[in-house]
């Protein structure tokens, strides 16, 4: 599995430039909370390194998310506070992308919207497939997207660090 956020594989150069303008990296220590149950969030988080526990409101761990995954997407779509917490299991790094500029871009740029929603759908599909199967066999188009995600991730890091 790549460390690059899967969503990046479907985006174009101009999309990466846009994300670099509104994104920023955060480093987290083990035990640090990224998302807290019931507290509104206003960003998407692309996990670029490390692993996180997904914790239900009752305190029980219900899953793990790691490199290449996106968190905060349910609140992004529903505009409701999260019903789980997300806590770093390891030293971790995420790229935070604020919701408001993404929504504005989705409203103004239909091509970006199509790529963004397709990429987010692929990311969610991967997460569900991984949760429901011990063997994760990816189709050819998904493997190609992962290869592009690696290249795009390196480019995005250079843009963010510039």
N, C-alpha and C. Protein backbone atom coordinates (compact mmCIF):
# COMPACT_ATOMS: atom_id res chain seq x y z
N UNK A 1 0.84 -1.18 0.00
CA UNK A 1 0.00 0.00 0.00
C UNK A 1 0.88 1.24 0.00
N UNK A 2 0.54 2.16 -0.81
CA UNK A 2 1.25 3.43 -0.90
C UNK A 2 1.03 4.27 0.36
N UNK A 3 1.95 5.18 0.65
CA UNK A 3 1.74 6.13 1.74
C UNK A 3 1.01 7.36 1.23
N UNK A 4 0.89 7.50 -0.06
CA UNK A 4 0.23 8.67 -0.63
C UNK A 4 -1.28 8.55 -0.44
N UNK A 5 -1.93 9.66 -0.11
CA UNK A 5 -3.39 9.61 -0.04
C UNK A 5 -3.99 9.16 -1.38
N UNK A 6 -4.79 8.14 -1.33
CA UNK A 6 -5.36 7.53 -2.53
C UNK A 6 -6.06 8.56 -3.40
N UNK A 7 -6.70 9.52 -2.78
CA UNK A 7 -7.47 10.54 -3.49
C UNK A 7 -6.61 11.30 -4.51
N UNK A 8 -5.32 11.43 -4.24
CA UNK A 8 -4.45 12.21 -5.13
C UNK A 8 -4.28 11.59 -6.51
N UNK A 9 -4.50 10.29 -6.63
CA UNK A 9 -4.31 9.61 -7.91
C UNK A 9 -5.25 10.06 -9.00
N UNK A 10 -6.39 10.61 -8.64
CA UNK A 10 -7.37 11.04 -9.63
C UNK A 10 -7.32 12.53 -9.94
N UNK A 11 -6.47 13.25 -9.23
CA UNK A 11 -6.42 14.69 -9.41
C UNK A 11 -5.36 15.09 -10.43
N UNK A 12 -5.48 16.28 -10.94
CA UNK A 12 -4.57 16.83 -11.95
C UNK A 12 -3.59 17.81 -11.30
N UNK A 13 -2.61 18.23 -12.07
CA UNK A 13 -1.60 19.17 -11.59
C UNK A 13 -2.24 20.44 -11.02
N UNK A 14 -3.19 20.99 -11.72
CA UNK A 14 -3.81 22.24 -11.22
C UNK A 14 -4.57 22.01 -9.91
N UNK A 15 -5.07 20.79 -9.72
CA UNK A 15 -5.73 20.46 -8.46
C UNK A 15 -4.71 20.40 -7.32
N UNK A 16 -3.54 19.86 -7.62
CA UNK A 16 -2.48 19.78 -6.62
C UNK A 16 -2.02 21.18 -6.21
N UNK A 17 -1.90 22.06 -7.20
CA UNK A 17 -1.51 23.44 -6.90
C UNK A 17 -2.56 24.08 -5.98
N UNK A 18 -3.83 23.86 -6.29
CA UNK A 18 -4.91 24.38 -5.44
C UNK A 18 -4.80 23.84 -4.02
N UNK A 19 -4.63 22.51 -3.88
CA UNK A 19 -4.52 21.91 -2.54
C UNK A 19 -3.31 22.43 -1.79
N UNK A 20 -2.21 22.67 -2.51
CA UNK A 20 -1.01 23.18 -1.85
C UNK A 20 -1.23 24.58 -1.30
N UNK A 21 -2.10 25.33 -1.93
CA UNK A 21 -2.37 26.69 -1.47
C UNK A 21 -3.25 26.71 -0.21
N UNK A 22 -4.08 25.70 -0.05
CA UNK A 22 -5.00 25.71 1.09
C UNK A 22 -4.65 24.65 2.14
N UNK A 23 -3.69 23.78 1.84
CA UNK A 23 -3.34 22.70 2.76
C UNK A 23 -2.16 23.04 3.65
N UNK A 24 -2.06 22.27 4.74
CA UNK A 24 -0.90 22.39 5.61
C UNK A 24 -0.70 21.07 6.34
N UNK A 25 0.56 20.78 6.64
CA UNK A 25 0.88 19.55 7.34
C UNK A 25 0.82 19.75 8.85
N UNK A 26 0.43 18.67 9.56
CA UNK A 26 0.46 18.63 11.01
C UNK A 26 1.11 17.32 11.43
N UNK A 27 2.01 17.39 12.39
CA UNK A 27 2.61 16.20 12.99
C UNK A 27 1.89 15.92 14.29
N UNK A 28 1.62 14.63 14.53
CA UNK A 28 0.92 14.23 15.75
C UNK A 28 1.74 13.18 16.48
N UNK A 29 1.65 13.21 17.80
CA UNK A 29 2.31 12.23 18.67
C UNK A 29 1.33 11.12 19.00
N UNK A 30 1.84 9.94 19.36
CA UNK A 30 0.92 8.87 19.78
C UNK A 30 0.01 9.36 20.91
N UNK A 31 -1.27 9.06 20.78
CA UNK A 31 -2.26 9.45 21.77
C UNK A 31 -2.93 10.79 21.51
N UNK A 32 -2.37 11.56 20.59
CA UNK A 32 -2.94 12.87 20.29
C UNK A 32 -4.23 12.71 19.48
N UNK A 33 -5.26 13.49 19.83
CA UNK A 33 -6.56 13.42 19.16
C UNK A 33 -6.56 14.33 17.94
N UNK A 34 -6.93 13.78 16.80
CA UNK A 34 -7.08 14.57 15.58
C UNK A 34 -8.53 15.05 15.44
N UNK A 35 -9.46 14.15 15.67
CA UNK A 35 -10.90 14.45 15.58
C UNK A 35 -11.54 13.95 16.86
N UNK A 36 -12.39 14.78 17.45
CA UNK A 36 -13.04 14.44 18.71
C UNK A 36 -14.54 14.30 18.50
N UNK A 37 -15.11 13.21 19.03
CA UNK A 37 -16.54 12.95 18.94
C UNK A 37 -17.35 14.17 19.34
N UNK A 38 -18.30 14.55 18.47
CA UNK A 38 -19.23 15.62 18.77
C UNK A 38 -18.73 17.03 18.54
N UNK A 39 -17.42 17.20 18.28
CA UNK A 39 -16.88 18.54 18.04
C UNK A 39 -16.82 18.79 16.53
N UNK A 40 -17.41 19.88 16.08
CA UNK A 40 -17.41 20.16 14.63
C UNK A 40 -15.99 20.22 14.08
N UNK A 41 -15.85 19.75 12.86
CA UNK A 41 -14.57 19.87 12.15
C UNK A 41 -14.84 20.61 10.84
N UNK A 42 -13.85 21.32 10.39
CA UNK A 42 -14.01 22.16 9.21
C UNK A 42 -12.95 21.85 8.17
N UNK A 43 -12.42 20.62 8.21
CA UNK A 43 -11.36 20.23 7.30
C UNK A 43 -11.47 18.76 6.95
N UNK A 44 -10.80 18.41 5.86
CA UNK A 44 -10.51 17.01 5.54
C UNK A 44 -9.07 16.78 5.95
N UNK A 45 -8.76 15.56 6.35
CA UNK A 45 -7.39 15.21 6.74
C UNK A 45 -6.92 14.03 5.89
N UNK A 46 -5.83 14.24 5.20
CA UNK A 46 -5.21 13.20 4.39
C UNK A 46 -4.08 12.61 5.23
N UNK A 47 -4.18 11.34 5.56
CA UNK A 47 -3.14 10.71 6.38
C UNK A 47 -1.95 10.40 5.47
N UNK A 48 -0.83 11.02 5.77
CA UNK A 48 0.36 10.83 4.95
C UNK A 48 1.39 9.93 5.61
N UNK A 49 1.27 9.74 6.91
CA UNK A 49 2.19 8.85 7.62
C UNK A 49 1.58 8.48 8.96
N UNK A 50 1.72 7.23 9.35
CA UNK A 50 1.25 6.80 10.66
C UNK A 50 -0.09 6.10 10.63
N UNK A 51 -0.56 5.77 11.82
CA UNK A 51 -1.83 5.06 11.98
C UNK A 51 -2.64 5.71 13.09
N UNK A 52 -3.96 5.63 12.95
CA UNK A 52 -4.89 6.24 13.90
C UNK A 52 -5.94 5.22 14.30
N UNK A 53 -6.35 5.27 15.56
CA UNK A 53 -7.48 4.48 16.04
C UNK A 53 -8.75 5.28 15.81
N UNK A 54 -9.79 4.59 15.39
CA UNK A 54 -11.12 5.18 15.28
C UNK A 54 -11.87 4.69 16.52
N UNK A 55 -12.36 5.65 17.31
CA UNK A 55 -12.90 5.33 18.63
C UNK A 55 -14.36 5.79 18.72
N UNK A 56 -15.23 4.85 19.08
CA UNK A 56 -16.66 5.14 19.22
C UNK A 56 -16.90 6.03 20.44
N UNK A 57 -18.09 6.60 20.51
CA UNK A 57 -18.45 7.49 21.62
C UNK A 57 -18.33 6.81 22.98
N UNK A 58 -18.50 5.48 23.03
CA UNK A 58 -18.38 4.75 24.29
C UNK A 58 -16.93 4.44 24.67
N UNK A 59 -15.99 4.87 23.83
CA UNK A 59 -14.57 4.67 24.12
C UNK A 59 -13.95 3.43 23.52
N UNK A 60 -14.76 2.60 22.85
CA UNK A 60 -14.21 1.38 22.27
C UNK A 60 -13.59 1.66 20.90
N UNK A 61 -12.45 1.02 20.65
CA UNK A 61 -11.78 1.15 19.35
C UNK A 61 -12.56 0.32 18.34
N UNK A 62 -12.95 0.95 17.24
CA UNK A 62 -13.75 0.24 16.24
C UNK A 62 -13.02 0.07 14.91
N UNK A 63 -11.83 0.61 14.81
CA UNK A 63 -11.09 0.45 13.57
C UNK A 63 -9.79 1.22 13.59
N UNK A 64 -9.08 1.07 12.47
CA UNK A 64 -7.81 1.76 12.28
C UNK A 64 -7.80 2.37 10.89
N UNK A 65 -7.28 3.57 10.79
CA UNK A 65 -7.03 4.19 9.49
C UNK A 65 -5.55 4.55 9.46
N UNK A 66 -4.99 4.54 8.25
CA UNK A 66 -3.54 4.72 8.14
C UNK A 66 -3.19 5.41 6.83
N UNK A 67 -1.89 5.40 6.54
CA UNK A 67 -1.34 6.02 5.34
C UNK A 67 -2.26 5.88 4.14
N UNK A 68 -2.47 6.99 3.45
CA UNK A 68 -3.22 6.95 2.21
C UNK A 68 -4.72 7.14 2.37
N UNK A 69 -5.20 7.22 3.61
CA UNK A 69 -6.64 7.35 3.80
C UNK A 69 -7.01 8.79 4.16
N UNK A 70 -8.28 9.08 4.02
CA UNK A 70 -8.83 10.40 4.31
C UNK A 70 -9.77 10.25 5.50
N UNK A 71 -9.69 11.19 6.45
CA UNK A 71 -10.65 11.20 7.56
C UNK A 71 -11.31 12.58 7.60
N UNK A 72 -12.50 12.59 8.15
CA UNK A 72 -13.28 13.81 8.19
C UNK A 72 -14.25 13.92 7.03
N UNK A 73 -14.28 12.92 6.17
CA UNK A 73 -15.12 12.99 4.97
C UNK A 73 -16.60 12.90 5.29
N UNK A 74 -16.98 12.19 6.35
CA UNK A 74 -18.40 12.10 6.68
C UNK A 74 -18.93 13.48 7.10
N UNK A 75 -18.18 14.18 7.93
CA UNK A 75 -18.59 15.53 8.34
C UNK A 75 -18.52 16.50 7.16
N UNK A 76 -17.60 16.26 6.24
CA UNK A 76 -17.49 17.08 5.04
C UNK A 76 -18.79 17.02 4.25
N UNK A 77 -19.33 15.82 4.06
CA UNK A 77 -20.55 15.64 3.29
C UNK A 77 -21.80 16.01 4.08
N UNK A 78 -21.85 15.61 5.33
CA UNK A 78 -23.07 15.75 6.12
C UNK A 78 -23.17 17.06 6.87
N UNK A 79 -22.06 17.75 7.06
CA UNK A 79 -22.01 18.98 7.85
C UNK A 79 -22.53 18.77 9.27
N UNK A 80 -22.26 17.59 9.80
CA UNK A 80 -22.60 17.27 11.18
C UNK A 80 -21.32 16.93 11.92
N UNK A 81 -21.31 17.12 13.24
CA UNK A 81 -20.11 16.74 14.00
C UNK A 81 -19.87 15.23 13.89
N UNK A 82 -18.63 14.83 14.00
CA UNK A 82 -18.31 13.40 13.89
C UNK A 82 -18.88 12.60 15.05
N UNK A 83 -19.22 11.34 14.78
CA UNK A 83 -19.73 10.47 15.83
C UNK A 83 -18.65 9.53 16.35
N UNK A 84 -17.39 9.77 15.92
CA UNK A 84 -16.24 9.02 16.41
C UNK A 84 -15.09 9.99 16.66
N UNK A 85 -14.13 9.52 17.43
CA UNK A 85 -12.87 10.24 17.59
C UNK A 85 -11.81 9.51 16.77
N UNK A 86 -10.79 10.26 16.37
CA UNK A 86 -9.66 9.68 15.65
C UNK A 86 -8.41 10.09 16.41
N UNK A 87 -7.67 9.06 16.90
CA UNK A 87 -6.53 9.30 17.79
C UNK A 87 -5.29 8.62 17.21
N UNK A 88 -4.17 9.34 17.22
CA UNK A 88 -2.92 8.79 16.69
C UNK A 88 -2.48 7.58 17.51
N UNK A 89 -2.18 6.48 16.80
CA UNK A 89 -1.63 5.29 17.44
C UNK A 89 -0.10 5.35 17.42
N UNK A 90 0.43 6.04 16.43
CA UNK A 90 1.86 6.13 16.21
C UNK A 90 2.21 7.61 15.98
N UNK A 91 3.48 7.88 15.82
CA UNK A 91 3.85 9.19 15.31
C UNK A 91 3.21 9.29 13.94
N UNK A 92 2.57 10.42 13.67
CA UNK A 92 1.79 10.52 12.43
C UNK A 92 1.90 11.92 11.84
N UNK A 93 1.56 11.98 10.56
CA UNK A 93 1.48 13.27 9.87
C UNK A 93 0.25 13.26 8.99
N UNK A 94 -0.47 14.38 9.01
CA UNK A 94 -1.65 14.55 8.16
C UNK A 94 -1.51 15.86 7.39
N UNK A 95 -2.17 15.89 6.25
CA UNK A 95 -2.31 17.15 5.54
C UNK A 95 -3.75 17.60 5.75
N UNK A 96 -3.90 18.77 6.36
CA UNK A 96 -5.22 19.33 6.61
C UNK A 96 -5.59 20.24 5.45
N UNK A 97 -6.82 20.05 4.94
CA UNK A 97 -7.34 20.90 3.87
C UNK A 97 -8.68 21.45 4.34
N UNK A 98 -8.76 22.76 4.45
CA UNK A 98 -9.96 23.41 4.96
C UNK A 98 -11.16 23.16 4.03
N UNK A 99 -12.31 22.97 4.62
CA UNK A 99 -13.54 22.64 3.90
C UNK A 99 -14.04 23.79 3.02
N UNK A 100 -14.05 25.01 3.54
CA UNK A 100 -14.66 26.15 2.82
C UNK A 100 -14.06 26.38 1.43
N UNK A 101 -12.73 26.41 1.27
CA UNK A 101 -12.21 26.62 -0.09
C UNK A 101 -12.48 25.45 -1.02
N UNK A 102 -12.55 24.23 -0.47
CA UNK A 102 -12.89 23.08 -1.32
C UNK A 102 -14.32 23.22 -1.82
N UNK A 103 -15.24 23.56 -0.94
CA UNK A 103 -16.65 23.72 -1.33
C UNK A 103 -16.76 24.81 -2.40
N UNK A 104 -16.08 25.92 -2.21
CA UNK A 104 -16.12 27.00 -3.21
C UNK A 104 -15.61 26.51 -4.56
N UNK A 105 -14.53 25.75 -4.56
CA UNK A 105 -13.96 25.22 -5.80
C UNK A 105 -14.91 24.20 -6.43
N UNK A 106 -15.53 23.36 -5.63
CA UNK A 106 -16.49 22.38 -6.15
C UNK A 106 -17.66 23.09 -6.84
N UNK A 107 -18.09 24.20 -6.26
CA UNK A 107 -19.20 24.96 -6.83
C UNK A 107 -18.82 25.66 -8.13
N UNK A 108 -17.57 26.07 -8.25
CA UNK A 108 -17.12 26.86 -9.40
C UNK A 108 -16.48 26.06 -10.53
N UNK A 109 -16.04 24.85 -10.25
CA UNK A 109 -15.24 24.08 -11.21
C UNK A 109 -15.79 22.66 -11.33
N UNK A 110 -16.65 22.45 -12.34
CA UNK A 110 -17.29 21.13 -12.50
C UNK A 110 -16.30 20.01 -12.76
N UNK A 111 -15.25 20.29 -13.49
CA UNK A 111 -14.26 19.25 -13.78
C UNK A 111 -13.54 18.84 -12.49
N UNK A 112 -13.16 19.84 -11.68
CA UNK A 112 -12.55 19.52 -10.39
C UNK A 112 -13.52 18.71 -9.54
N UNK A 113 -14.78 19.13 -9.51
CA UNK A 113 -15.78 18.43 -8.71
C UNK A 113 -15.88 16.96 -9.12
N UNK A 114 -15.90 16.70 -10.42
CA UNK A 114 -15.98 15.32 -10.90
C UNK A 114 -14.77 14.51 -10.44
N UNK A 115 -13.58 15.07 -10.59
CA UNK A 115 -12.35 14.36 -10.18
C UNK A 115 -12.32 14.16 -8.67
N UNK A 116 -12.69 15.20 -7.93
CA UNK A 116 -12.64 15.13 -6.47
C UNK A 116 -13.61 14.07 -5.93
N UNK A 117 -14.84 14.09 -6.40
CA UNK A 117 -15.83 13.12 -5.91
C UNK A 117 -15.48 11.70 -6.35
N UNK A 118 -14.96 11.54 -7.55
CA UNK A 118 -14.52 10.21 -7.99
C UNK A 118 -13.40 9.71 -7.08
N UNK A 119 -12.43 10.57 -6.81
CA UNK A 119 -11.30 10.20 -5.97
C UNK A 119 -11.75 9.86 -4.55
N UNK A 120 -12.65 10.66 -4.00
CA UNK A 120 -13.15 10.39 -2.66
C UNK A 120 -13.94 9.08 -2.64
N UNK A 121 -14.71 8.84 -3.67
CA UNK A 121 -15.44 7.57 -3.78
C UNK A 121 -14.50 6.38 -3.84
N UNK A 122 -13.40 6.51 -4.59
CA UNK A 122 -12.42 5.42 -4.66
C UNK A 122 -11.78 5.18 -3.30
N UNK A 123 -11.49 6.25 -2.59
CA UNK A 123 -10.90 6.12 -1.26
C UNK A 123 -11.85 5.39 -0.30
N UNK A 124 -13.11 5.77 -0.33
CA UNK A 124 -14.10 5.12 0.53
C UNK A 124 -14.32 3.66 0.12
N UNK A 125 -14.32 3.40 -1.18
CA UNK A 125 -14.46 2.03 -1.67
C UNK A 125 -13.31 1.16 -1.19
N UNK A 126 -12.11 1.70 -1.27
CA UNK A 126 -10.93 0.97 -0.80
C UNK A 126 -11.07 0.64 0.69
N UNK A 127 -11.49 1.62 1.47
CA UNK A 127 -11.63 1.40 2.91
C UNK A 127 -12.66 0.31 3.21
N UNK A 128 -13.80 0.35 2.53
CA UNK A 128 -14.84 -0.67 2.74
C UNK A 128 -14.38 -2.05 2.28
N UNK A 129 -13.71 -2.10 1.14
CA UNK A 129 -13.22 -3.39 0.64
C UNK A 129 -12.19 -3.98 1.60
N UNK A 130 -11.30 -3.12 2.11
CA UNK A 130 -10.28 -3.59 3.05
C UNK A 130 -10.92 -4.10 4.34
N UNK A 131 -11.98 -3.43 4.80
CA UNK A 131 -12.64 -3.84 6.04
C UNK A 131 -13.41 -5.14 5.88
N UNK A 132 -13.83 -5.46 4.66
CA UNK A 132 -14.68 -6.63 4.46
C UNK A 132 -13.96 -7.84 3.87
N UNK A 133 -12.67 -7.73 3.61
CA UNK A 133 -11.97 -8.84 2.97
C UNK A 133 -10.54 -8.93 3.49
N UNK A 134 -10.08 -10.16 3.70
CA UNK A 134 -8.69 -10.35 4.13
C UNK A 134 -7.73 -10.19 2.96
N UNK A 135 -8.16 -10.59 1.78
CA UNK A 135 -7.34 -10.43 0.58
C UNK A 135 -7.82 -9.21 -0.18
N UNK A 136 -6.93 -8.31 -0.41
CA UNK A 136 -7.30 -7.08 -1.08
C UNK A 136 -6.72 -7.09 -2.49
N UNK A 137 -7.53 -7.53 -3.43
CA UNK A 137 -7.11 -7.54 -4.83
C UNK A 137 -7.70 -6.31 -5.51
N UNK A 138 -6.80 -5.50 -6.05
CA UNK A 138 -7.22 -4.25 -6.68
C UNK A 138 -7.34 -4.42 -8.18
N UNK A 139 -8.32 -3.77 -8.78
CA UNK A 139 -8.42 -3.83 -10.24
C UNK A 139 -7.36 -2.92 -10.86
N UNK A 140 -7.16 -3.08 -12.15
CA UNK A 140 -6.09 -2.38 -12.86
C UNK A 140 -6.19 -0.86 -12.75
N UNK A 141 -7.39 -0.32 -12.91
CA UNK A 141 -7.53 1.14 -12.86
C UNK A 141 -7.21 1.68 -11.47
N UNK A 142 -7.54 0.90 -10.45
CA UNK A 142 -7.23 1.33 -9.08
C UNK A 142 -5.73 1.28 -8.85
N UNK A 143 -5.06 0.23 -9.34
CA UNK A 143 -3.60 0.15 -9.19
C UNK A 143 -2.92 1.32 -9.91
N UNK A 144 -3.41 1.67 -11.10
CA UNK A 144 -2.85 2.81 -11.84
C UNK A 144 -3.05 4.11 -11.07
N UNK A 145 -4.20 4.25 -10.44
CA UNK A 145 -4.47 5.45 -9.65
C UNK A 145 -3.52 5.54 -8.46
N UNK A 146 -3.20 4.40 -7.85
CA UNK A 146 -2.25 4.40 -6.73
C UNK A 146 -0.85 4.82 -7.17
N UNK A 147 -0.46 4.40 -8.36
CA UNK A 147 0.85 4.81 -8.89
C UNK A 147 0.87 6.31 -9.11
N UNK A 148 -0.19 6.83 -9.72
CA UNK A 148 -0.29 8.29 -9.91
C UNK A 148 -0.31 9.01 -8.57
N UNK A 149 -0.98 8.43 -7.57
CA UNK A 149 -1.05 9.06 -6.25
C UNK A 149 0.34 9.26 -5.67
N UNK A 150 1.21 8.27 -5.83
CA UNK A 150 2.59 8.42 -5.34
C UNK A 150 3.28 9.60 -5.99
N UNK A 151 3.19 9.69 -7.32
CA UNK A 151 3.82 10.80 -8.05
C UNK A 151 3.21 12.14 -7.63
N UNK A 152 1.90 12.18 -7.54
CA UNK A 152 1.21 13.42 -7.17
C UNK A 152 1.53 13.84 -5.74
N UNK A 153 1.70 12.85 -4.86
CA UNK A 153 2.02 13.16 -3.48
C UNK A 153 3.39 13.82 -3.37
N UNK A 154 4.36 13.28 -4.07
CA UNK A 154 5.70 13.89 -4.07
C UNK A 154 5.64 15.31 -4.61
N UNK A 155 4.86 15.52 -5.65
CA UNK A 155 4.70 16.86 -6.22
C UNK A 155 4.02 17.80 -5.22
N UNK A 156 2.99 17.32 -4.54
CA UNK A 156 2.26 18.14 -3.58
C UNK A 156 3.18 18.54 -2.41
N UNK A 157 3.99 17.61 -1.94
CA UNK A 157 4.93 17.93 -0.86
C UNK A 157 5.88 19.06 -1.30
N UNK A 158 6.40 18.96 -2.52
CA UNK A 158 7.28 20.01 -3.02
C UNK A 158 6.56 21.35 -3.09
N UNK A 159 5.31 21.34 -3.53
CA UNK A 159 4.53 22.58 -3.60
C UNK A 159 4.28 23.16 -2.21
N UNK A 160 3.96 22.30 -1.25
CA UNK A 160 3.68 22.77 0.11
C UNK A 160 4.94 23.31 0.79
N UNK A 161 6.07 22.71 0.47
CA UNK A 161 7.32 23.13 1.11
C UNK A 161 7.95 24.34 0.42
N UNK A 162 7.43 24.72 -0.75
CA UNK A 162 8.01 25.85 -1.49
C UNK A 162 7.65 27.18 -0.87
